[in-house]
Amino acid sequence: MDYKRYQKVRTLIGLLIGVIVWEAVIVSNFYLAISGILIGMLFLFLVKNRFKKIIVDERVISVSGRASQITYSIATILLSLLGLFLIFIAMGSENFYLKLLGETFCYIALLLITIYSISYHYFNKKYGADE
């Protein structure tokens, strides 16, 4: 199986998982959602085992790392600013739900910063940084 076909099969399996979970939400069936996700993960695992591995060079790893760093930075800043904006709007209008939504966005931004810090320190020590 070549990479293009692997991507198509993976996308199709992801789409089917999404449809099953969507249907489970509509009919309020928790077990259908869990079983759909587990079966989809099983199919993804089986397809991945049949796929021939691609050798990844240093450029791909570097580009991937840079893209994830930019995505993290943009998402954290946008979530923080949107959260603060919603909190300030809620103060003027006494809208309880806007304040809760703003606080939730701020907490998500803090969670992202915490996860990034922990993973940065872990990988920094794993790959031999002297501190």
Protein backbone atom coordinates (compact mmCIF):
# COMPACT_ATOMS: atom_id res chain seq x y z
CA MET A 1 0.00 0.00 0.00
CA ASP A 2 1.44 3.36 -1.00
CA TYR A 3 1.18 6.57 1.02
CA LYS A 4 -1.60 8.12 -1.05
CA ARG A 5 -3.85 5.12 -0.64
CA TYR A 6 -3.03 4.92 3.07
CA GLN A 7 -4.09 8.57 3.49
CA LYS A 8 -7.39 7.92 1.69
CA VAL A 9 -8.17 4.86 3.79
CA ARG A 10 -7.25 6.70 6.98
CA THR A 11 -9.47 9.63 6.04
CA LEU A 12 -12.35 7.30 5.22
CA ILE A 13 -12.03 5.49 8.55
CA GLY A 14 -11.92 8.84 10.37
CA LEU A 15 -15.04 9.96 8.53
CA LEU A 16 -16.84 6.74 9.44
CA ILE A 17 -15.88 7.15 13.10
CA GLY A 18 -17.26 10.69 12.98
CA VAL A 19 -20.54 9.53 11.44
CA ILE A 20 -20.95 6.77 14.03
CA VAL A 21 -20.28 9.15 16.92
CA TRP A 22 -22.63 11.72 15.39
CA GLU A 23 -25.37 9.11 15.12
CA ALA A 24 -24.70 7.99 18.70
CA VAL A 25 -25.11 11.57 19.92
CA ILE A 26 -28.37 11.94 18.03
CA VAL A 27 -29.86 8.76 19.53
CA SER A 28 -28.15 9.37 22.92
CA ASN A 29 -26.37 6.02 22.92
CA PHE A 30 -23.05 6.22 24.78
CA TYR A 31 -22.16 2.59 24.08
CA LEU A 32 -22.52 3.04 20.32
CA ALA A 33 -20.11 5.98 20.42
CA ILE A 34 -17.51 4.09 22.46
CA SER A 35 -17.78 0.95 20.32
CA GLY A 36 -17.53 3.01 17.12
CA ILE A 37 -14.39 4.72 18.35
CA LEU A 38 -12.81 1.44 19.48
CA ILE A 39 -13.62 -0.35 16.22
CA GLY A 40 -12.30 2.61 14.24
CA MET A 41 -9.08 2.56 16.24
CA LEU A 42 -8.75 -1.16 15.56
CA PHE A 43 -9.16 -0.59 11.81
CA LEU A 44 -6.63 2.26 11.89
CA PHE A 45 -4.17 0.00 13.69
CA LEU A 46 -4.67 -2.79 11.13
CA VAL A 47 -4.27 -0.42 8.17
CA LYS A 48 -1.15 1.12 9.71
CA ASN A 49 0.45 -2.31 10.07
CA ARG A 50 -0.06 -3.02 6.35
CA PHE A 51 1.42 0.31 5.33
CA LYS A 52 5.08 0.40 4.38
CA LYS A 53 6.93 2.89 6.53
CA ILE A 54 8.21 6.10 5.01
CA ILE A 55 11.66 7.28 6.01
CA VAL A 56 11.34 10.76 7.47
CA ASP A 57 14.24 13.12 6.98
CA GLU A 58 15.41 15.91 9.29
CA ARG A 59 13.76 18.63 7.22
CA VAL A 60 10.30 17.12 7.72
CA ILE A 61 10.90 16.88 11.46
CA SER A 62 12.15 20.46 11.59
CA VAL A 63 9.21 21.82 9.60
CA SER A 64 6.77 19.83 11.73
CA GLY A 65 8.30 21.14 14.94
CA ARG A 66 8.23 24.72 13.71
CA ALA A 67 4.61 24.40 12.52
CA SER A 68 3.49 22.97 15.86
CA GLN A 69 5.31 25.76 17.73
CA ILE A 70 3.61 28.45 15.64
CA THR A 71 0.23 26.74 16.04
CA TYR A 72 0.71 26.56 19.81
CA SER A 73 1.66 30.23 20.00
CA ILE A 74 -1.24 31.46 17.89
CA ALA A 75 -3.84 29.23 19.60
CA THR A 76 -2.70 30.22 23.09
CA ILE A 77 -2.72 33.93 22.32
CA LEU A 78 -6.10 33.81 20.57
CA LEU A 79 -7.73 31.76 23.33
CA SER A 80 -6.36 34.10 25.99
CA LEU A 81 -7.45 37.28 24.22
CA LEU A 82 -10.87 35.89 23.33
CA GLY A 83 -11.35 34.74 26.92
CA LEU A 84 -10.42 38.15 28.31
CA PHE A 85 -12.61 39.89 25.73
CA LEU A 86 -15.62 37.75 26.69
CA ILE A 87 -15.02 38.34 30.40
CA PHE A 88 -14.88 42.12 29.89
CA ILE A 89 -18.04 42.07 27.77
CA ALA A 90 -19.81 40.02 30.45
CA MET A 91 -18.87 42.54 33.15
CA GLY A 92 -20.68 45.31 31.33
CA SER A 93 -23.78 43.32 30.44
CA GLU A 94 -24.07 40.99 33.46
CA ASN A 95 -24.22 38.00 31.14
CA PHE A 96 -23.29 34.96 33.21
CA TYR A 97 -22.73 32.61 30.28
CA LEU A 98 -20.30 34.91 28.49
CA LYS A 99 -18.24 35.16 31.65
CA LEU A 100 -18.16 31.37 32.01
CA LEU A 101 -17.18 30.95 28.37
CA GLY A 102 -14.40 33.52 28.76
CA GLU A 103 -13.10 31.81 31.89
CA THR A 104 -13.19 28.45 30.10
CA PHE A 105 -11.11 29.83 27.22
CA CYS A 106 -8.60 31.28 29.68
CA TYR A 107 -8.34 27.96 31.53
CA ILE A 108 -7.83 26.12 28.25
CA ALA A 109 -5.00 28.54 27.39
CA LEU A 110 -3.44 27.90 30.80
CA LEU A 111 -3.77 24.15 30.26
CA LEU A 112 -2.00 24.46 26.90
CA ILE A 113 0.82 26.43 28.50
CA THR A 114 1.15 23.84 31.27
CA ILE A 115 1.22 20.90 28.85
CA TYR A 116 3.79 22.69 26.69
CA SER A 117 6.01 23.45 29.69
CA ILE A 118 5.88 19.89 31.01
CA SER A 119 6.55 18.34 27.61
CA TYR A 120 9.36 20.84 26.90
CA HIS A 121 11.13 19.99 30.16
CA TYR A 122 10.60 16.25 29.59
CA PHE A 123 12.07 16.27 26.07
CA ASN A 124 14.80 18.67 27.10
CA LYS A 125 15.99 16.21 29.75
CA LYS A 126 15.39 13.18 27.53
CA TYR A 127 17.64 14.45 24.77
CA GLY A 128 20.52 15.39 27.04
CA ALA A 129 20.21 18.99 28.08
CA ASP A 130 22.50 19.96 30.94
CA GLU A 131 20.73 22.05 33.56
